[in-house]
Amino acid sequence: RSTGHEAVLSFGATGQLYTQISQGAPF
């Protein structure tokens, strides 16, 4: 509402998310 931008959220355990990031996940 404030900026007009969109944040698309993906939730998970921090360690699992980091593994995905290290494997090229589009975050």
PDB file of all heavy atoms in Angstrom:
ATOM      1  N   ARG A   1       0.822  -1.212   0.000  1.00  0.00           N
ATOM      2  CA  ARG A   1       0.000   0.000   0.000  1.00  0.00           C
ATOM      3  C   ARG A   1       0.858   1.265   0.000  1.00  0.00           C
ATOM      4  O   ARG A   1       0.516   2.267  -0.620  1.00  0.00           O
ATOM      5  CB  ARG A   1      -0.919   0.014   1.221  1.00  0.00           C
ATOM      6  CG  ARG A   1      -2.039  -1.000   1.172  1.00  0.00           C
ATOM      7  CD  ARG A   1      -3.127  -0.658   2.179  1.00  0.00           C
ATOM      8  NE  ARG A   1      -2.640  -0.617   3.549  1.00  0.00           N
ATOM      9  CZ  ARG A   1      -2.629  -1.650   4.372  1.00  0.00           C
ATOM     10  NH1 ARG A   1      -3.068  -2.835   3.945  1.00  0.00           N
ATOM     11  NH2 ARG A   1      -2.188  -1.528   5.609  1.00  0.00           N
ATOM     12  N   SER A   2       1.978   1.197   0.691  1.00  0.00           N
ATOM     13  CA  SER A   2       2.826   2.380   0.854  1.00  0.00           C
ATOM     14  C   SER A   2       3.695   2.675  -0.356  1.00  0.00           C
ATOM     15  O   SER A   2       3.989   3.834  -0.643  1.00  0.00           O
ATOM     16  CB  SER A   2       3.719   2.215   2.089  1.00  0.00           C
ATOM     17  OG  SER A   2       2.963   2.066   3.266  1.00  0.00           O
ATOM     18  N   THR A   3       4.137   1.635  -1.049  1.00  0.00           N
ATOM     19  CA  THR A   3       5.125   1.819  -2.116  1.00  0.00           C
ATOM     20  C   THR A   3       4.638   1.417  -3.504  1.00  0.00           C
ATOM     21  O   THR A   3       5.232   1.836  -4.502  1.00  0.00           O
ATOM     22  CB  THR A   3       6.398   1.005  -1.819  1.00  0.00           C
ATOM     23  OG1 THR A   3       6.084  -0.396  -1.920  1.00  0.00           O
ATOM     24  CG2 THR A   3       6.946   1.307  -0.431  1.00  0.00           C
ATOM     25  N   GLY A   4       3.617   0.567  -3.568  1.00  0.00           N
ATOM     26  CA  GLY A   4       3.185   0.048  -4.860  1.00  0.00           C
ATOM     27  C   GLY A   4       3.974  -1.169  -5.302  1.00  0.00           C
ATOM     28  O   GLY A   4       3.584  -1.853  -6.241  1.00  0.00           O
ATOM     29  N   HIS A   5       5.085  -1.449  -4.626  1.00  0.00           N
ATOM     30  CA  HIS A   5       5.888  -2.630  -4.956  1.00  0.00           C
ATOM     31  C   HIS A   5       5.252  -3.877  -4.345  1.00  0.00           C
ATOM     32  O   HIS A   5       4.490  -3.808  -3.383  1.00  0.00           O
ATOM     33  CB  HIS A   5       7.307  -2.485  -4.411  1.00  0.00           C
ATOM     34  CG  HIS A   5       8.094  -1.369  -5.037  1.00  0.00           C
ATOM     35  ND1 HIS A   5       8.195  -1.199  -6.393  1.00  0.00           N
ATOM     36  CD2 HIS A   5       8.840  -0.372  -4.463  1.00  0.00           C
ATOM     37  CE1 HIS A   5       8.961  -0.141  -6.648  1.00  0.00           C
ATOM     38  NE2 HIS A   5       9.356   0.376  -5.494  1.00  0.00           N
ATOM     39  N   GLU A   6       5.643  -5.026  -4.864  1.00  0.00           N
ATOM     40  CA  GLU A   6       5.141  -6.294  -4.343  1.00  0.00           C
ATOM     41  C   GLU A   6       6.291  -7.129  -3.796  1.00  0.00           C
ATOM     42  O   GLU A   6       7.319  -7.315  -4.461  1.00  0.00           O
ATOM     43  CB  GLU A   6       4.421  -7.089  -5.440  1.00  0.00           C
ATOM     44  CG  GLU A   6       3.840  -8.401  -4.938  1.00  0.00           C
ATOM     45  CD  GLU A   6       3.167  -9.218  -6.022  1.00  0.00           C
ATOM     46  OE1 GLU A   6       3.259  -8.814  -7.203  1.00  0.00           O
ATOM     47  OE2 GLU A   6       2.576 -10.261  -5.704  1.00  0.00           O
ATOM     48  N   ALA A   7       6.101  -7.633  -2.572  1.00  0.00           N
ATOM     49  CA  ALA A   7       7.050  -8.577  -1.983  1.00  0.00           C
ATOM     50  C   ALA A   7       6.391  -9.950  -1.986  1.00  0.00           C
ATOM     51  O   ALA A   7       5.368 -10.151  -1.328  1.00  0.00           O
ATOM     52  CB  ALA A   7       7.416  -8.158  -0.563  1.00  0.00           C
ATOM     53  N   VAL A   8       6.951 -10.882  -2.728  1.00  0.00           N
ATOM     54  CA  VAL A   8       6.432 -12.244  -2.793  1.00  0.00           C
ATOM     55  C   VAL A   8       7.178 -13.065  -1.746  1.00  0.00           C
ATOM     56  O   VAL A   8       8.399 -13.232  -1.834  1.00  0.00           O
ATOM     57  CB  VAL A   8       6.620 -12.851  -4.194  1.00  0.00           C
ATOM     58  CG1 VAL A   8       6.101 -14.286  -4.230  1.00  0.00           C
ATOM     59  CG2 VAL A   8       5.912 -11.996  -5.237  1.00  0.00           C
ATOM     60  N   LEU A   9       6.465 -13.559  -0.737  1.00  0.00           N
ATOM     61  CA  LEU A   9       7.092 -14.195   0.411  1.00  0.00           C
ATOM     62  C   LEU A   9       7.113 -15.713   0.288  1.00  0.00           C
ATOM     63  O   LEU A   9       6.120 -16.325  -0.107  1.00  0.00           O
ATOM     64  CB  LEU A   9       6.351 -13.802   1.688  1.00  0.00           C
ATOM     65  CG  LEU A   9       6.113 -12.309   1.923  1.00  0.00           C
ATOM     66  CD1 LEU A   9       5.351 -12.089   3.232  1.00  0.00           C
ATOM     67  CD2 LEU A   9       7.434 -11.542   1.941  1.00  0.00           C
ATOM     68  N   SER A  10       8.249 -16.310   0.641  1.00  0.00           N
ATOM     69  CA  SER A  10       8.391 -17.766   0.728  1.00  0.00           C
ATOM     70  C   SER A  10       8.914 -18.087   2.118  1.00  0.00           C
ATOM     71  O   SER A  10       9.919 -17.523   2.544  1.00  0.00           O
ATOM     72  CB  SER A  10       9.366 -18.287  -0.327  1.00  0.00           C
ATOM     73  OG  SER A  10       8.895 -18.004  -1.636  1.00  0.00           O
ATOM     74  N   PHE A  11       8.245 -19.004   2.827  1.00  0.00           N
ATOM     75  CA  PHE A  11       8.583 -19.279   4.221  1.00  0.00           C
ATOM     76  C   PHE A  11       9.245 -20.646   4.384  1.00  0.00           C
ATOM     77  O   PHE A  11       8.949 -21.582   3.641  1.00  0.00           O
ATOM     78  CB  PHE A  11       7.322 -19.220   5.087  1.00  0.00           C
ATOM     79  CG  PHE A  11       6.617 -17.894   5.040  1.00  0.00           C
ATOM     80  CD1 PHE A  11       5.529 -17.697   4.224  1.00  0.00           C
ATOM     81  CD2 PHE A  11       7.079 -16.835   5.814  1.00  0.00           C
ATOM     82  CE1 PHE A  11       4.880 -16.469   4.172  1.00  0.00           C
ATOM     83  CE2 PHE A  11       6.438 -15.604   5.772  1.00  0.00           C
ATOM     84  CZ  PHE A  11       5.341 -15.424   4.946  1.00  0.00           C
ATOM     85  N   GLY A  12      10.118 -20.756   5.385  1.00  0.00           N
ATOM     86  CA  GLY A  12      10.768 -22.026   5.667  1.00  0.00           C
ATOM     87  C   GLY A  12      11.746 -21.884   6.810  1.00  0.00           C
ATOM     88  O   GLY A  12      11.924 -20.801   7.377  1.00  0.00           O
ATOM     89  N   ALA A  13      12.372 -22.993   7.166  1.00  0.00           N
ATOM     90  CA  ALA A  13      13.423 -22.965   8.180  1.00  0.00           C
ATOM     91  C   ALA A  13      14.630 -22.222   7.629  1.00  0.00           C
ATOM     92  O   ALA A  13      14.952 -22.342   6.434  1.00  0.00           O
ATOM     93  CB  ALA A  13      13.815 -24.385   8.586  1.00  0.00           C
ATOM     94  N   THR A  14      15.285 -21.458   8.465  1.00  0.00           N
ATOM     95  CA  THR A  14      16.414 -20.636   8.027  1.00  0.00           C
ATOM     96  C   THR A  14      17.490 -21.465   7.323  1.00  0.00           C
ATOM     97  O   THR A  14      18.000 -21.072   6.270  1.00  0.00           O
ATOM     98  CB  THR A  14      17.002 -19.875   9.223  1.00  0.00           C
ATOM     99  OG1 THR A  14      16.066 -18.861   9.622  1.00  0.00           O
ATOM    100  CG2 THR A  14      18.328 -19.220   8.880  1.00  0.00           C
ATOM    101  N   GLY A  15      17.836 -22.610   7.894  1.00  0.00           N
ATOM    102  CA  GLY A  15      18.864 -23.449   7.275  1.00  0.00           C
ATOM    103  C   GLY A  15      18.456 -23.964   5.909  1.00  0.00           C
ATOM    104  O   GLY A  15      19.262 -24.004   4.977  1.00  0.00           O
ATOM    105  N   GLN A  16      17.195 -24.353   5.784  1.00  0.00           N
ATOM    106  CA  GLN A  16      16.695 -24.848   4.503  1.00  0.00           C
ATOM    107  C   GLN A  16      16.670 -23.731   3.459  1.00  0.00           C
ATOM    108  O   GLN A  16      17.036 -23.941   2.295  1.00  0.00           O
ATOM    109  CB  GLN A  16      15.293 -25.431   4.684  1.00  0.00           C
ATOM    110  CG  GLN A  16      15.268 -26.706   5.505  1.00  0.00           C
ATOM    111  CD  GLN A  16      13.856 -27.181   5.777  1.00  0.00           C
ATOM    112  OE1 GLN A  16      12.936 -26.377   5.964  1.00  0.00           O
ATOM    113  NE2 GLN A  16      13.658 -28.484   5.804  1.00  0.00           N
ATOM    114  N   LEU A  17      16.246 -22.551   3.880  1.00  0.00           N
ATOM    115  CA  LEU A  17      16.215 -21.422   2.950  1.00  0.00           C
ATOM    116  C   LEU A  17      17.623 -21.076   2.474  1.00  0.00           C
ATOM    117  O   LEU A  17      17.837 -20.783   1.297  1.00  0.00           O
ATOM    118  CB  LEU A  17      15.562 -20.200   3.612  1.00  0.00           C
ATOM    119  CG  LEU A  17      14.061 -20.306   3.863  1.00  0.00           C
ATOM    120  CD1 LEU A  17      13.590 -19.127   4.702  1.00  0.00           C
ATOM    121  CD2 LEU A  17      13.274 -20.375   2.555  1.00  0.00           C
ATOM    122  N   TYR A  18      18.572 -21.133   3.412  1.00  0.00           N
ATOM    123  CA  TYR A  18      19.953 -20.805   3.011  1.00  0.00           C
ATOM    124  C   TYR A  18      20.487 -21.823   2.006  1.00  0.00           C
ATOM    125  O   TYR A  18      21.179 -21.465   1.056  1.00  0.00           O
ATOM    126  CB  TYR A  18      20.880 -20.721   4.222  1.00  0.00           C
ATOM    127  CG  TYR A  18      22.242 -20.210   3.812  1.00  0.00           C
ATOM    128  CD1 TYR A  18      22.434 -18.854   3.564  1.00  0.00           C
ATOM    129  CD2 TYR A  18      23.308 -21.073   3.594  1.00  0.00           C
ATOM    130  CE1 TYR A  18      23.659 -18.368   3.131  1.00  0.00           C
ATOM    131  CE2 TYR A  18      24.538 -20.603   3.157  1.00  0.00           C
ATOM    132  CZ  TYR A  18      24.707 -19.247   2.932  1.00  0.00           C
ATOM    133  OH  TYR A  18      25.913 -18.765   2.491  1.00  0.00           O
ATOM    134  N   THR A  19      20.148 -23.088   2.224  1.00  0.00           N
ATOM    135  CA  THR A  19      20.566 -24.115   1.264  1.00  0.00           C
ATOM    136  C   THR A  19      19.996 -23.820  -0.117  1.00  0.00           C
ATOM    137  O   THR A  19      20.695 -23.925  -1.136  1.00  0.00           O
ATOM    138  CB  THR A  19      20.097 -25.513   1.728  1.00  0.00           C
ATOM    139  OG1 THR A  19      20.751 -25.828   2.965  1.00  0.00           O
ATOM    140  CG2 THR A  19      20.440 -26.581   0.706  1.00  0.00           C
ATOM    141  N   GLN A  20      18.723 -23.406  -0.155  1.00  0.00           N
ATOM    142  CA  GLN A  20      18.108 -23.067  -1.436  1.00  0.00           C
ATOM    143  C   GLN A  20      18.808 -21.876  -2.094  1.00  0.00           C
ATOM    144  O   GLN A  20      19.039 -21.864  -3.307  1.00  0.00           O
ATOM    145  CB  GLN A  20      16.621 -22.755  -1.228  1.00  0.00           C
ATOM    146  CG  GLN A  20      15.796 -23.963  -0.814  1.00  0.00           C
ATOM    147  CD  GLN A  20      14.373 -23.587  -0.443  1.00  0.00           C
ATOM    148  OE1 GLN A  20      13.853 -22.563  -0.865  1.00  0.00           O
ATOM    149  NE2 GLN A  20      13.749 -24.415   0.369  1.00  0.00           N
ATOM    150  N   ILE A  21      19.143 -20.876  -1.287  1.00  0.00           N
ATOM    151  CA  ILE A  21      19.851 -19.701  -1.812  1.00  0.00           C
ATOM    152  C   ILE A  21      21.203 -20.117  -2.400  1.00  0.00           C
ATOM    153  O   ILE A  21      21.584 -19.686  -3.496  1.00  0.00           O
ATOM    154  CB  ILE A  21      20.030 -18.647  -0.694  1.00  0.00           C
ATOM    155  CG1 ILE A  21      18.669 -18.016  -0.346  1.00  0.00           C
ATOM    156  CG2 ILE A  21      21.026 -17.566  -1.118  1.00  0.00           C
ATOM    157  CD1 ILE A  21      18.675 -17.231   0.948  1.00  0.00           C
ATOM    158  N   SER A  22      21.907 -20.972  -1.688  1.00  0.00           N
ATOM    159  CA  SER A  22      23.229 -21.408  -2.153  1.00  0.00           C
ATOM    160  C   SER A  22      23.142 -22.257  -3.419  1.00  0.00           C
ATOM    161  O   SER A  22      24.119 -22.391  -4.151  1.00  0.00           O
ATOM    162  CB  SER A  22      23.952 -22.191  -1.049  1.00  0.00           C
ATOM    163  OG  SER A  22      23.321 -23.440  -0.815  1.00  0.00           O
ATOM    164  N   GLN A  23      21.949 -22.820  -3.655  1.00  0.00           N
ATOM    165  CA  GLN A  23      21.751 -23.649  -4.849  1.00  0.00           C
ATOM    166  C   GLN A  23      21.106 -22.876  -5.999  1.00  0.00           C
ATOM    167  O   GLN A  23      20.709 -23.458  -6.997  1.00  0.00           O
ATOM    168  CB  GLN A  23      20.898 -24.867  -4.484  1.00  0.00           C
ATOM    169  CG  GLN A  23      21.616 -25.836  -3.537  1.00  0.00           C
ATOM    170  CD  GLN A  23      20.731 -26.967  -3.054  1.00  0.00           C
ATOM    171  OE1 GLN A  23      19.514 -26.936  -3.210  1.00  0.00           O
ATOM    172  NE2 GLN A  23      21.348 -27.967  -2.447  1.00  0.00           N
ATOM    173  N   GLY A  24      20.998 -21.542  -5.829  1.00  0.00           N
ATOM    174  CA  GLY A  24      20.521 -20.709  -6.919  1.00  0.00           C
ATOM    175  C   GLY A  24      19.052 -20.358  -6.914  1.00  0.00           C
ATOM    176  O   GLY A  24      18.521 -19.895  -7.934  1.00  0.00           O
ATOM    177  N   ALA A  25      18.362 -20.559  -5.792  1.00  0.00           N
ATOM    178  CA  ALA A  25      16.944 -20.194  -5.725  1.00  0.00           C
ATOM    179  C   ALA A  25      16.786 -18.698  -6.008  1.00  0.00           C
ATOM    180  O   ALA A  25      17.611 -17.887  -5.589  1.00  0.00           O
ATOM    181  CB  ALA A  25      16.377 -20.532  -4.351  1.00  0.00           C
ATOM    182  N   PRO A  26      15.722 -18.301  -6.708  1.00  0.00           N
ATOM    183  CA  PRO A  26      15.581 -16.915  -7.174  1.00  0.00           C
ATOM    184  C   PRO A  26      15.059 -15.942  -6.112  1.00  0.00           C
ATOM    185  O   PRO A  26      14.024 -15.306  -6.292  1.00  0.00           O
ATOM    186  CB  PRO A  26      14.592 -17.061  -8.327  1.00  0.00           C
ATOM    187  CG  PRO A  26      13.721 -18.208  -7.924  1.00  0.00           C
ATOM    188  CD  PRO A  26      14.642 -19.175  -7.229  1.00  0.00           C
ATOM    189  N   PHE A  27      15.781 -15.819  -5.004  1.00  0.00           N
ATOM    190  CA  PHE A  27      15.395 -14.879  -3.952  1.00  0.00           C
ATOM    191  C   PHE A  27      16.220 -13.592  -4.063  1.00  0.00           C
ATOM    192  O   PHE A  27      17.400 -13.625  -4.403  1.00  0.00           O
ATOM    193  CB  PHE A  27      15.610 -15.492  -2.566  1.00  0.00           C
ATOM    194  CG  PHE A  27      14.714 -16.668  -2.277  1.00  0.00           C
ATOM    195  CD1 PHE A  27      15.258 -17.888  -1.899  1.00  0.00           C
ATOM    196  CD2 PHE A  27      13.335 -16.553  -2.375  1.00  0.00           C
ATOM    197  CE1 PHE A  27      14.442 -18.974  -1.623  1.00  0.00           C
ATOM    198  CE2 PHE A  27      12.510 -17.638  -2.107  1.00  0.00           C
ATOM    199  CZ  PHE A  27      13.060 -18.852  -1.729  1.00  0.00           C
TER     200      PHE A  27
END
